[in-house]
Amino acid sequence: MRVKLLTTISIFTYQLSVSQTEKVLNGKVFSQNIPLNKVEVINKTARISTRTNELGEFSILVRPQDSLLFYSKDYFFKRFKISQKNIDQNNLVVNMILKPEELDEVLITTIKFPHVG
């Protein structure tokens, strides 16, 4: 009887400690109020990653003080440090900024229109 009780308490304590270490954080990634698809969401601390879906949504395991990195080739990357408040709210919203497109060459020409009238 004691062995069963100790085993049950041990399992419960282990489950409780594991559940407090990592939590699933949900969020959305936008740019100019448009959801971004296929943005790489990387937990640098835990060395895990995921991608956003068509609605810009993602879910990833985090702990307080973890560092998240949001990366897409057309946008400036964003770094975010997770707090307990972020985990409790469970709705992280990230706004990414579009990189300017560099042009190789710009050609300006004059167009003459026929005179009407």
PDB file of N, CA and C in Angstrom:
ATOM      1  N   MET A   1       0.825  -1.196   0.000  1.00  0.00           N
ATOM      2  CA  MET A   1       0.000   0.000   0.000  1.00  0.00           C
ATOM      3  C   MET A   1       0.869   1.260   0.000  1.00  0.00           C
ATOM      4  N   ARG A   2       1.919   1.257   0.822  1.00  0.00           N
ATOM      5  CA  ARG A   2       2.818   2.413   0.883  1.00  0.00           C
ATOM      6  C   ARG A   2       3.548   2.612  -0.442  1.00  0.00           C
ATOM      7  N   VAL A   3       3.946   1.499  -1.059  1.00  0.00           N
ATOM      8  CA  VAL A   3       4.665   1.589  -2.326  1.00  0.00           C
ATOM      9  C   VAL A   3       3.777   2.210  -3.396  1.00  0.00           C
ATOM     10  N   LYS A   4       2.511   1.812  -3.449  1.00  0.00           N
ATOM     11  CA  LYS A   4       1.577   2.374  -4.422  1.00  0.00           C
ATOM     12  C   LYS A   4       1.373   3.864  -4.172  1.00  0.00           C
ATOM     13  N   LEU A   5       1.248   4.237  -2.907  1.00  0.00           N
ATOM     14  CA  LEU A   5       1.050   5.642  -2.558  1.00  0.00           C
ATOM     15  C   LEU A   5       2.279   6.465  -2.934  1.00  0.00           C
ATOM     16  N   LEU A   6       3.457   5.970  -2.634  1.00  0.00           N
ATOM     17  CA  LEU A   6       4.688   6.678  -2.985  1.00  0.00           C
ATOM     18  C   LEU A   6       4.860   6.788  -4.501  1.00  0.00           C
ATOM     19  N   THR A   7       4.528   5.735  -5.203  1.00  0.00           N
ATOM     20  CA  THR A   7       4.621   5.756  -6.665  1.00  0.00           C
ATOM     21  C   THR A   7       3.662   6.778  -7.252  1.00  0.00           C
ATOM     22  N   THR A   8       2.443   6.789  -6.751  1.00  0.00           N
ATOM     23  CA  THR A   8       1.437   7.740  -7.223  1.00  0.00           C
ATOM     24  C   THR A   8       1.875   9.174  -6.947  1.00  0.00           C
ATOM     25  N   ILE A   9       2.382   9.430  -5.768  1.00  0.00           N
ATOM     26  CA  ILE A   9       2.844  10.777  -5.414  1.00  0.00           C
ATOM     27  C   ILE A   9       4.031  11.174  -6.289  1.00  0.00           C
ATOM     28  N   SER A  10       4.935  10.249  -6.527  1.00  0.00           N
ATOM     29  CA  SER A  10       6.111  10.540  -7.361  1.00  0.00           C
ATOM     30  C   SER A  10       5.703  10.895  -8.788  1.00  0.00           C
ATOM     31  N   ILE A  11       4.788  10.124  -9.346  1.00  0.00           N
ATOM     32  CA  ILE A  11       4.326  10.376 -10.713  1.00  0.00           C
ATOM     33  C   ILE A  11       3.612  11.721 -10.794  1.00  0.00           C
ATOM     34  N   PHE A  12       2.770  12.011  -9.824  1.00  0.00           N
ATOM     35  CA  PHE A  12       2.045  13.274  -9.800  1.00  0.00           C
ATOM     36  C   PHE A  12       3.014  14.453  -9.688  1.00  0.00           C
ATOM     37  N   THR A  13       4.009  14.341  -8.823  1.00  0.00           N
ATOM     38  CA  THR A  13       4.997  15.403  -8.644  1.00  0.00           C
ATOM     39  C   THR A  13       5.791  15.615  -9.928  1.00  0.00           C
ATOM     40  N   TYR A  14       6.175  14.525 -10.571  1.00  0.00           N
ATOM     41  CA  TYR A  14       6.918  14.630 -11.827  1.00  0.00           C
ATOM     42  C   TYR A  14       6.076  15.317 -12.897  1.00  0.00           C
ATOM     43  N   GLN A  15       4.824  14.911 -13.040  1.00  0.00           N
ATOM     44  CA  GLN A  15       3.926  15.517 -14.025  1.00  0.00           C
ATOM     45  C   GLN A  15       3.741  17.007 -13.760  1.00  0.00           C
ATOM     46  N   LEU A  16       3.613  17.365 -12.500  1.00  0.00           N
ATOM     47  CA  LEU A  16       3.425  18.756 -12.124  1.00  0.00           C
ATOM     48  C   LEU A  16       4.660  19.574 -12.474  1.00  0.00           C
ATOM     49  N   SER A  17       5.841  19.041 -12.190  1.00  0.00           N
ATOM     50  CA  SER A  17       7.073  19.774 -12.487  1.00  0.00           C
ATOM     51  C   SER A  17       7.294  19.896 -13.991  1.00  0.00           C
ATOM     52  N   VAL A  18       6.998  18.863 -14.753  1.00  0.00           N
ATOM     53  CA  VAL A  18       7.151  18.915 -16.207  1.00  0.00           C
ATOM     54  C   VAL A  18       6.163  19.907 -16.804  1.00  0.00           C
ATOM     55  N   SER A  19       4.949  19.902 -16.331  1.00  0.00           N
ATOM     56  CA  SER A  19       3.935  20.792 -16.896  1.00  0.00           C
ATOM     57  C   SER A  19       4.249  22.255 -16.597  1.00  0.00           C
ATOM     58  N   GLN A  20       5.014  22.535 -15.559  1.00  0.00           N
ATOM     59  CA  GLN A  20       5.360  23.911 -15.237  1.00  0.00           C
ATOM     60  C   GLN A  20       6.601  24.385 -15.967  1.00  0.00           C
ATOM     61  N   THR A  21       7.361  23.475 -16.550  1.00  0.00           N
ATOM     62  CA  THR A  21       8.591  23.909 -17.208  1.00  0.00           C
ATOM     63  C   THR A  21       8.333  24.386 -18.637  1.00  0.00           C
ATOM     64  N   GLU A  22       7.593  23.645 -19.414  1.00  0.00           N
ATOM     65  CA  GLU A  22       7.321  24.035 -20.793  1.00  0.00           C
ATOM     66  C   GLU A  22       5.817  24.154 -21.026  1.00  0.00           C
ATOM     67  N   LYS A  23       5.460  25.213 -21.713  1.00  0.00           N
ATOM     68  CA  LYS A  23       4.047  25.430 -22.072  1.00  0.00           C
ATOM     69  C   LYS A  23       3.968  25.720 -23.562  1.00  0.00           C
ATOM     70  N   VAL A  24       2.832  25.405 -24.146  1.00  0.00           N
ATOM     71  CA  VAL A  24       2.604  25.734 -25.553  1.00  0.00           C
ATOM     72  C   VAL A  24       2.166  27.190 -25.634  1.00  0.00           C
ATOM     73  N   LEU A  25       2.893  27.953 -26.435  1.00  0.00           N
ATOM     74  CA  LEU A  25       2.559  29.356 -26.661  1.00  0.00           C
ATOM     75  C   LEU A  25       1.966  29.480 -28.060  1.00  0.00           C
ATOM     76  N   ASN A  26       0.805  30.093 -28.144  1.00  0.00           N
ATOM     77  CA  ASN A  26       0.143  30.341 -29.428  1.00  0.00           C
ATOM     78  C   ASN A  26       0.316  31.807 -29.798  1.00  0.00           C
ATOM     79  N   GLY A  27       0.375  32.067 -31.090  1.00  0.00           N
ATOM     80  CA  GLY A  27       0.514  33.450 -31.521  1.00  0.00           C
ATOM     81  C   GLY A  27       0.232  33.615 -32.993  1.00  0.00           C
ATOM     82  N   LYS A  28       0.363  34.862 -33.456  1.00  0.00           N
ATOM     83  CA  LYS A  28       0.141  35.207 -34.863  1.00  0.00           C
ATOM     84  C   LYS A  28       1.232  36.167 -35.311  1.00  0.00           C
ATOM     85  N   VAL A  29       1.603  36.035 -36.584  1.00  0.00           N
ATOM     86  CA  VAL A  29       2.609  36.910 -37.178  1.00  0.00           C
ATOM     87  C   VAL A  29       1.954  37.697 -38.309  1.00  0.00           C
ATOM     88  N   PHE A  30       2.113  39.024 -38.264  1.00  0.00           N
ATOM     89  CA  PHE A  30       1.518  39.923 -39.244  1.00  0.00           C
ATOM     90  C   PHE A  30       2.569  40.840 -39.845  1.00  0.00           C
ATOM     91  N   SER A  31       2.223  41.440 -40.966  1.00  0.00           N
ATOM     92  CA  SER A  31       2.946  42.581 -41.513  1.00  0.00           C
ATOM     93  C   SER A  31       1.899  43.488 -42.123  1.00  0.00           C
ATOM     94  N   GLN A  32       1.806  44.703 -41.631  1.00  0.00           N
ATOM     95  CA  GLN A  32       0.797  45.671 -42.083  1.00  0.00           C
ATOM     96  C   GLN A  32      -0.608  45.064 -42.034  1.00  0.00           C
ATOM     97  N   ASN A  33      -0.921  44.403 -40.930  1.00  0.00           N
ATOM     98  CA  ASN A  33      -2.219  43.769 -40.666  1.00  0.00           C
ATOM     99  C   ASN A  33      -2.544  42.620 -41.614  1.00  0.00           C
ATOM    100  N   ILE A  34      -1.551  42.095 -42.319  1.00  0.00           N
ATOM    101  CA  ILE A  34      -1.746  40.937 -43.195  1.00  0.00           C
ATOM    102  C   ILE A  34      -1.033  39.748 -42.569  1.00  0.00           C
ATOM    103  N   PRO A  35      -1.746  38.621 -42.343  1.00  0.00           N
ATOM    104  CA  PRO A  35      -1.088  37.449 -41.748  1.00  0.00           C
ATOM    105  C   PRO A  35      -0.014  36.886 -42.680  1.00  0.00           C
ATOM    106  N   LEU A  36       1.115  36.485 -42.090  1.00  0.00           N
ATOM    107  CA  LEU A  36       2.235  35.971 -42.875  1.00  0.00           C
ATOM    108  C   LEU A  36       2.304  34.456 -42.786  1.00  0.00           C
ATOM    109  N   ASN A  37       2.389  33.811 -43.940  1.00  0.00           N
ATOM    110  CA  ASN A  37       2.480  32.359 -44.052  1.00  0.00           C
ATOM    111  C   ASN A  37       3.948  31.940 -44.139  1.00  0.00           C
ATOM    112  N   LYS A  38       4.265  30.793 -43.589  1.00  0.00           N
ATOM    113  CA  LYS A  38       5.593  30.174 -43.680  1.00  0.00           C
ATOM    114  C   LYS A  38       6.717  31.006 -43.075  1.00  0.00           C
ATOM    115  N   VAL A  39       6.420  31.715 -41.992  1.00  0.00           N
ATOM    116  CA  VAL A  39       7.469  32.392 -41.227  1.00  0.00           C
ATOM    117  C   VAL A  39       8.058  31.369 -40.265  1.00  0.00           C
ATOM    118  N   GLU A  40       9.366  31.269 -40.230  1.00  0.00           N
ATOM    119  CA  GLU A  40      10.062  30.331 -39.341  1.00  0.00           C
ATOM    120  C   GLU A  40      10.054  30.920 -37.929  1.00  0.00           C
ATOM    121  N   VAL A  41       9.505  30.165 -36.977  1.00  0.00           N
ATOM    122  CA  VAL A  41       9.484  30.573 -35.567  1.00  0.00           C
ATOM    123  C   VAL A  41      10.437  29.636 -34.841  1.00  0.00           C
ATOM    124  N   ILE A  42      11.532  30.186 -34.323  1.00  0.00           N
ATOM    125  CA  ILE A  42      12.595  29.375 -33.740  1.00  0.00           C
ATOM    126  C   ILE A  42      12.753  29.710 -32.262  1.00  0.00           C
ATOM    127  N   ASN A  43      12.683  28.674 -31.420  1.00  0.00           N
ATOM    128  CA  ASN A  43      13.014  28.842 -30.009  1.00  0.00           C
ATOM    129  C   ASN A  43      14.504  28.542 -29.891  1.00  0.00           C
ATOM    130  N   LYS A  44      15.312  29.601 -29.830  1.00  0.00           N
ATOM    131  CA  LYS A  44      16.761  29.432 -29.817  1.00  0.00           C
ATOM    132  C   LYS A  44      17.243  28.731 -28.552  1.00  0.00           C
ATOM    133  N   THR A  45      16.549  28.951 -27.446  1.00  0.00           N
ATOM    134  CA  THR A  45      16.950  28.356 -26.170  1.00  0.00           C
ATOM    135  C   THR A  45      16.729  26.859 -26.181  1.00  0.00           C
ATOM    136  N   ALA A  46      15.548  26.419 -26.614  1.00  0.00           N
ATOM    137  CA  ALA A  46      15.205  24.993 -26.625  1.00  0.00           C
ATOM    138  C   ALA A  46      15.626  24.301 -27.926  1.00  0.00           C
ATOM    139  N   ARG A  47      16.055  25.083 -28.913  1.00  0.00           N
ATOM    140  CA  ARG A  47      16.474  24.554 -30.213  1.00  0.00           C
ATOM    141  C   ARG A  47      15.375  23.758 -30.925  1.00  0.00           C
ATOM    142  N   ILE A  48      14.194  24.357 -30.952  1.00  0.00           N
ATOM    143  CA  ILE A  48      13.068  23.781 -31.695  1.00  0.00           C
ATOM    144  C   ILE A  48      12.484  24.876 -32.589  1.00  0.00           C
ATOM    145  N   SER A  49      11.764  24.460 -33.615  1.00  0.00           N
ATOM    146  CA  SER A  49      11.179  25.462 -34.505  1.00  0.00           C
ATOM    147  C   SER A  49       9.861  24.970 -35.084  1.00  0.00           C
ATOM    148  N   THR A  50       9.134  25.914 -35.641  1.00  0.00           N
ATOM    149  CA  THR A  50       7.872  25.641 -36.315  1.00  0.00           C
ATOM    150  C   THR A  50       7.682  26.721 -37.367  1.00  0.00           C
ATOM    151  N   ARG A  51       6.617  26.612 -38.136  1.00  0.00           N
ATOM    152  CA  ARG A  51       6.287  27.624 -39.149  1.00  0.00           C
ATOM    153  C   ARG A  51       4.847  28.092 -38.965  1.00  0.00           C
ATOM    154  N   THR A  52       4.593  29.313 -39.413  1.00  0.00           N
ATOM    155  CA  THR A  52       3.230  29.836 -39.354  1.00  0.00           C
ATOM    156  C   THR A  52       2.388  29.217 -40.470  1.00  0.00           C
ATOM    157  N   ASN A  53       1.088  29.137 -40.238  1.00  0.00           N
ATOM    158  CA  ASN A  53       0.164  28.619 -41.252  1.00  0.00           C
ATOM    159  C   ASN A  53      -0.355  29.773 -42.124  1.00  0.00           C
ATOM    160  N   GLU A  54      -1.350  29.502 -42.956  1.00  0.00           N
ATOM    161  CA  GLU A  54      -1.896  30.505 -43.879  1.00  0.00           C
ATOM    162  C   GLU A  54      -2.493  31.711 -43.158  1.00  0.00           C
ATOM    163  N   LEU A  55      -2.919  31.500 -41.915  1.00  0.00           N
ATOM    164  CA  LEU A  55      -3.518  32.589 -41.133  1.00  0.00           C
ATOM    165  C   LEU A  55      -2.481  33.299 -40.277  1.00  0.00           C
ATOM    166  N   GLY A  56      -1.212  32.936 -40.429  1.00  0.00           N
ATOM    167  CA  GLY A  56      -0.149  33.552 -39.637  1.00  0.00           C
ATOM    168  C   GLY A  56      -0.027  32.990 -38.235  1.00  0.00           C
ATOM    169  N   GLU A  57      -0.738  31.887 -37.950  1.00  0.00           N
ATOM    170  CA  GLU A  57      -0.764  31.322 -36.595  1.00  0.00           C
ATOM    171  C   GLU A  57       0.369  30.320 -36.388  1.00  0.00           C
ATOM    172  N   PHE A  58       0.847  30.258 -35.144  1.00  0.00           N
ATOM    173  CA  PHE A  58       1.861  29.277 -34.781  1.00  0.00           C
ATOM    174  C   PHE A  58       1.646  28.817 -33.341  1.00  0.00           C
ATOM    175  N   SER A  59       2.225  27.660 -33.013  1.00  0.00           N
ATOM    176  CA  SER A  59       2.263  27.126 -31.651  1.00  0.00           C
ATOM    177  C   SER A  59       3.656  26.561 -31.434  1.00  0.00           C
ATOM    178  N   ILE A  60       4.257  26.877 -30.271  1.00  0.00           N
ATOM    179  CA  ILE A  60       5.601  26.398 -29.982  1.00  0.00           C
ATOM    180  C   ILE A  60       5.774  26.261 -28.471  1.00  0.00           C
ATOM    181  N   LEU A  61       6.568  25.268 -28.056  1.00  0.00           N
ATOM    182  CA  LEU A  61       6.846  25.068 -26.638  1.00  0.00           C
ATOM    183  C   LEU A  61       7.842  26.117 -26.151  1.00  0.00           C
ATOM    184  N   VAL A  62       7.513  26.757 -25.028  1.00  0.00           N
ATOM    185  CA  VAL A  62       8.393  27.788 -24.466  1.00  0.00           C
ATOM    186  C   VAL A  62       8.440  27.696 -22.945  1.00  0.00           C
ATOM    187  N   ARG A  63       9.439  28.352 -22.392  1.00  0.00           N
ATOM    188  CA  ARG A  63       9.568  28.583 -20.955  1.00  0.00           C
ATOM    189  C   ARG A  63       9.882  30.061 -20.765  1.00  0.00           C
ATOM    190  N   PRO A  64       9.662  30.587 -19.574  1.00  0.00           N
ATOM    191  CA  PRO A  64      10.065  31.975 -19.336  1.00  0.00           C
ATOM    192  C   PRO A  64      11.561  32.139 -19.606  1.00  0.00           C
ATOM    193  N   GLN A  65      11.917  33.273 -20.170  1.00  0.00           N
ATOM    194  CA  GLN A  65      13.292  33.640 -20.526  1.00  0.00           C
ATOM    195  C   GLN A  65      13.791  32.992 -21.822  1.00  0.00           C
ATOM    196  N   ASP A  66      12.962  32.181 -22.496  1.00  0.00           N
ATOM    197  CA  ASP A  66      13.360  31.639 -23.797  1.00  0.00           C
ATOM    198  C   ASP A  66      13.423  32.783 -24.805  1.00  0.00           C
ATOM    199  N   SER A  67      14.247  32.600 -25.816  1.00  0.00           N
ATOM    200  CA  SER A  67      14.396  33.596 -26.871  1.00  0.00           C
ATOM    201  C   SER A  67      13.811  33.046 -28.166  1.00  0.00           C
ATOM    202  N   LEU A  68      12.798  33.741 -28.706  1.00  0.00           N
ATOM    203  CA  LEU A  68      12.187  33.340 -29.971  1.00  0.00           C
ATOM    204  C   LEU A  68      12.721  34.226 -31.086  1.00  0.00           C
ATOM    205  N   LEU A  69      12.935  33.610 -32.235  1.00  0.00           N
ATOM    206  CA  LEU A  69      13.393  34.323 -33.416  1.00  0.00           C
ATOM    207  C   LEU A  69      12.380  34.069 -34.532  1.00  0.00           C
ATOM    208  N   PHE A  70      11.924  35.141 -35.173  1.00  0.00           N
ATOM    209  CA  PHE A  70      10.973  35.050 -36.273  1.00  0.00           C
ATOM    210  C   PHE A  70      11.712  35.430 -37.547  1.00  0.00           C
ATOM    211  N   TYR A  71      11.722  34.508 -38.534  1.00  0.00           N
ATOM    212  CA  TYR A  71      12.521  34.723 -39.736  1.00  0.00           C
ATOM    213  C   TYR A  71      11.729  34.406 -41.002  1.00  0.00           C
ATOM    214  N   SER A  72      11.825  35.316 -41.952  1.00  0.00           N
ATOM    215  CA  SER A  72      11.326  35.121 -43.309  1.00  0.00           C
ATOM    216  C   SER A  72      12.242  35.928 -44.222  1.00  0.00           C
ATOM    217  N   LYS A  73      12.605  35.388 -45.367  1.00  0.00           N
ATOM    218  CA  LYS A  73      13.622  36.025 -46.215  1.00  0.00           C
ATOM    219  C   LYS A  73      13.238  37.421 -46.702  1.00  0.00           C
ATOM    220  N   ASP A  74      11.957  37.722 -46.808  1.00  0.00           N
ATOM    221  CA  ASP A  74      11.515  39.021 -47.317  1.00  0.00           C
ATOM    222  C   ASP A  74      11.296  40.063 -46.221  1.00  0.00           C
ATOM    223  N   TYR A  75      11.511  39.665 -44.956  1.00  0.00           N
ATOM    224  CA  TYR A  75      11.243  40.548 -43.830  1.00  0.00           C
ATOM    225  C   TYR A  75      12.461  40.621 -42.913  1.00  0.00           C
ATOM    226  N   PHE A  76      12.577  41.739 -42.171  1.00  0.00           N
ATOM    227  CA  PHE A  76      13.613  41.828 -41.155  1.00  0.00           C
ATOM    228  C   PHE A  76      13.273  40.831 -40.052  1.00  0.00           C
ATOM    229  N   PHE A  77      14.297  40.117 -39.549  1.00  0.00           N
ATOM    230  CA  PHE A  77      14.009  39.143 -38.502  1.00  0.00           C
ATOM    231  C   PHE A  77      13.643  39.870 -37.207  1.00  0.00           C
ATOM    232  N   LYS A  78      12.902  39.178 -36.371  1.00  0.00           N
ATOM    233  CA  LYS A  78      12.429  39.750 -35.106  1.00  0.00           C
ATOM    234  C   LYS A  78      12.838  38.810 -33.985  1.00  0.00           C
ATOM    235  N   ARG A  79      13.374  39.358 -32.918  1.00  0.00           N
ATOM    236  CA  ARG A  79      13.769  38.570 -31.755  1.00  0.00           C
ATOM    237  C   ARG A  79      12.862  38.964 -30.594  1.00  0.00           C
ATOM    238  N   PHE A  80      12.451  37.955 -29.811  1.00  0.00           N
ATOM    239  CA  PHE A  80      11.510  38.206 -28.718  1.00  0.00           C
ATOM    240  C   PHE A  80      11.877  37.346 -27.517  1.00  0.00           C
ATOM    241  N   LYS A  81      11.983  37.958 -26.336  1.00  0.00           N
ATOM    242  CA  LYS A  81      12.265  37.225 -25.096  1.00  0.00           C
ATOM    243  C   LYS A  81      10.938  36.944 -24.389  1.00  0.00           C
ATOM    244  N   ILE A  82      10.705  35.673 -24.071  1.00  0.00           N
ATOM    245  CA  ILE A  82       9.425  35.245 -23.483  1.00  0.00           C
ATOM    246  C   ILE A  82       9.402  35.529 -21.984  1.00  0.00           C
ATOM    247  N   SER A  83       8.303  36.098 -21.528  1.00  0.00           N
ATOM    248  CA  SER A  83       8.092  36.326 -20.096  1.00  0.00           C
ATOM    249  C   SER A  83       6.944  35.428 -19.612  1.00  0.00           C
ATOM    250  N   GLN A  84       6.808  35.325 -18.327  1.00  0.00           N
ATOM    251  CA  GLN A  84       5.708  34.541 -17.771  1.00  0.00           C
ATOM    252  C   GLN A  84       4.364  35.146 -18.180  1.00  0.00           C
ATOM    253  N   LYS A  85       4.327  36.472 -18.310  1.00  0.00           N
ATOM    254  CA  LYS A  85       3.100  37.156 -18.731  1.00  0.00           C
ATOM    255  C   LYS A  85       2.690  36.718 -20.144  1.00  0.00           C
ATOM    256  N   ASN A  86       3.685  36.589 -21.052  1.00  0.00           N
ATOM    257  CA  ASN A  86       3.391  36.104 -22.413  1.00  0.00           C
ATOM    258  C   ASN A  86       2.781  34.710 -22.368  1.00  0.00           C
ATOM    259  N   ILE A  87       3.341  33.853 -21.522  1.00  0.00           N
ATOM    260  CA  ILE A  87       2.849  32.476 -21.418  1.00  0.00           C
ATOM    261  C   ILE A  87       1.438  32.460 -20.859  1.00  0.00           C
ATOM    262  N   ASP A  88       1.184  33.287 -19.835  1.00  0.00           N
ATOM    263  CA  ASP A  88      -0.148  33.339 -19.218  1.00  0.00           C
ATOM    264  C   ASP A  88      -1.195  33.868 -20.197  1.00  0.00           C
ATOM    265  N   GLN A  89      -0.842  34.885 -20.980  1.00  0.00           N
ATOM    266  CA  GLN A  89      -1.793  35.452 -21.949  1.00  0.00           C
ATOM    267  C   GLN A  89      -2.005  34.517 -23.139  1.00  0.00           C
ATOM    268  N   ASN A  90      -0.960  33.771 -23.522  1.00  0.00           N
ATOM    269  CA  ASN A  90      -1.034  32.756 -24.575  1.00  0.00           C
ATOM    270  C   ASN A  90      -1.590  33.300 -25.895  1.00  0.00           C
ATOM    271  N   ASN A  91      -1.206  34.541 -26.229  1.00  0.00           N
ATOM    272  CA  ASN A  91      -1.641  35.138 -27.495  1.00  0.00           C
ATOM    273  C   ASN A  91      -0.609  36.162 -27.940  1.00  0.00           C
ATOM    274  N   LEU A  92       0.535  35.674 -28.402  1.00  0.00           N
ATOM    275  CA  LEU A  92       1.623  36.557 -28.808  1.00  0.00           C
ATOM    276  C   LEU A  92       1.345  37.069 -30.223  1.00  0.00           C
ATOM    277  N   VAL A  93       1.405  38.375 -30.412  1.00  0.00           N
ATOM    278  CA  VAL A  93       1.206  38.984 -31.722  1.00  0.00           C
ATOM    279  C   VAL A  93       2.524  39.646 -32.125  1.00  0.00           C
ATOM    280  N   VAL A  94       3.039  39.243 -33.285  1.00  0.00           N
ATOM    281  CA  VAL A  94       4.325  39.741 -33.767  1.00  0.00           C
ATOM    282  C   VAL A  94       4.102  40.475 -35.080  1.00  0.00           C
ATOM    283  N   ASN A  95       4.644  41.693 -35.179  1.00  0.00           N
ATOM    284  CA  ASN A  95       4.535  42.482 -36.402  1.00  0.00           C
ATOM    285  C   ASN A  95       5.911  42.543 -37.044  1.00  0.00           C
ATOM    286  N   MET A  96       6.021  42.057 -38.278  1.00  0.00           N
ATOM    287  CA  MET A  96       7.299  42.050 -38.976  1.00  0.00           C
ATOM    288  C   MET A  96       7.322  43.158 -40.024  1.00  0.00           C
ATOM    289  N   ILE A  97       8.533  43.661 -40.302  1.00  0.00           N
ATOM    290  CA  ILE A  97       8.709  44.774 -41.232  1.00  0.00           C
ATOM    291  C   ILE A  97       9.325  44.251 -42.532  1.00  0.00           C
ATOM    292  N   LEU A  98       8.688  44.611 -43.639  1.00  0.00           N
ATOM    293  CA  LEU A  98       9.131  44.190 -44.962  1.00  0.00           C
ATOM    294  C   LEU A  98      10.466  44.843 -45.302  1.00  0.00           C
ATOM    295  N   LYS A  99      11.394  44.037 -45.836  1.00  0.00           N
ATOM    296  CA  LYS A  99      12.685  44.580 -46.272  1.00  0.00           C
ATOM    297  C   LYS A  99      12.465  45.381 -47.554  1.00  0.00           C
ATOM    298  N   PRO A 100      13.185  46.500 -47.700  1.00  0.00           N
ATOM    299  CA  PRO A 100      13.074  47.227 -48.965  1.00  0.00           C
ATOM    300  C   PRO A 100      13.698  46.411 -50.090  1.00  0.00           C
ATOM    301  N   GLU A 101      13.118  46.500 -51.255  1.00  0.00           N
ATOM    302  CA  GLU A 101      13.634  45.758 -52.404  1.00  0.00           C
ATOM    303  C   GLU A 101      14.674  46.608 -53.122  1.00  0.00           C
ATOM    304  N   GLU A 102      15.873  46.073 -53.243  1.00  0.00           N
ATOM    305  CA  GLU A 102      16.952  46.791 -53.910  1.00  0.00           C
ATOM    306  C   GLU A 102      16.897  46.530 -55.413  1.00  0.00           C
ATOM    307  N   LEU A 103      16.910  47.612 -56.189  1.00  0.00           N
ATOM    308  CA  LEU A 103      16.852  47.499 -57.640  1.00  0.00           C
ATOM    309  C   LEU A 103      18.259  47.620 -58.217  1.00  0.00           C
ATOM    310  N   ASP A 104      18.559  46.820 -59.224  1.00  0.00           N
ATOM    311  CA  ASP A 104      19.867  46.886 -59.866  1.00  0.00           C
ATOM    312  C   ASP A 104      20.019  48.165 -60.688  1.00  0.00           C
ATOM    313  N   GLU A 105      18.970  48.525 -61.420  1.00  0.00           N
ATOM    314  CA  GLU A 105      19.051  49.664 -62.325  1.00  0.00           C
ATOM    315  C   GLU A 105      17.654  50.242 -62.514  1.00  0.00           C
ATOM    316  N   VAL A 106      17.598  51.567 -62.627  1.00  0.00           N
ATOM    317  CA  VAL A 106      16.345  52.245 -62.908  1.00  0.00           C
ATOM    318  C   VAL A 106      16.539  53.056 -64.183  1.00  0.00           C
ATOM    319  N   LEU A 107      15.666  52.866 -65.157  1.00  0.00           N
ATOM    320  CA  LEU A 107      15.744  53.568 -66.435  1.00  0.00           C
ATOM    321  C   LEU A 107      14.546  54.500 -66.551  1.00  0.00           C
ATOM    322  N   ILE A 108      14.843  55.777 -66.742  1.00  0.00           N
ATOM    323  CA  ILE A 108      13.778  56.779 -66.862  1.00  0.00           C
ATOM    324  C   ILE A 108      13.750  57.245 -68.310  1.00  0.00           C
ATOM    325  N   THR A 109      12.580  57.182 -68.925  1.00  0.00           N
ATOM    326  CA  THR A 109      12.435  57.621 -70.318  1.00  0.00           C
ATOM    327  C   THR A 109      11.330  58.662 -70.413  1.00  0.00           C
ATOM    328  N   THR A 110      11.417  59.451 -71.473  1.00  0.00           N
ATOM    329  CA  THR A 110      10.391  60.463 -71.729  1.00  0.00           C
ATOM    330  C   THR A 110       9.391  59.890 -72.716  1.00  0.00           C
ATOM    331  N   ILE A 111       8.130  60.057 -72.438  1.00  0.00           N
ATOM    332  CA  ILE A 111       7.076  59.597 -73.331  1.00  0.00           C
ATOM    333  C   ILE A 111       6.339  60.847 -73.833  1.00  0.00           C
ATOM    334  N   LYS A 112       6.254  60.962 -75.151  1.00  0.00           N
ATOM    335  CA  LYS A 112       5.553  62.106 -75.747  1.00  0.00           C
ATOM    336  C   LYS A 112       4.188  61.641 -76.223  1.00  0.00           C
ATOM    337  N   PHE A 113       3.199  62.368 -75.806  1.00  0.00           N
ATOM    338  CA  PHE A 113       1.817  62.080 -76.189  1.00  0.00           C
ATOM    339  C   PHE A 113       1.381  63.063 -77.266  1.00  0.00           C
ATOM    340  N   PRO A 114       0.562  62.623 -78.228  1.00  0.00           N
ATOM    341  CA  PRO A 114       0.082  63.561 -79.263  1.00  0.00           C
ATOM    342  C   PRO A 114      -0.850  64.599 -78.639  1.00  0.00           C
ATOM    343  N   HIS A 115      -0.752  65.805 -79.180  1.00  0.00           N
ATOM    344  CA  HIS A 115      -1.592  66.905 -78.685  1.00  0.00           C
ATOM    345  C   HIS A 115      -3.029  66.741 -79.186  1.00  0.00           C
ATOM    346  N   VAL A 116      -3.977  66.779 -78.278  1.00  0.00           N
ATOM    347  CA  VAL A 116      -5.387  66.621 -78.630  1.00  0.00           C
ATOM    348  C   VAL A 116      -6.067  67.963 -78.403  1.00  0.00           C
ATOM    349  N   GLY A 117      -6.777  68.451 -79.392  1.00  0.00           N
ATOM    350  CA  GLY A 117      -7.608  69.562 -79.138  1.00  0.00           C
ATOM    351  C   GLY A 117      -7.506  70.719 -79.932  1.00  0.00           C
TER     352      GLY A 117
END
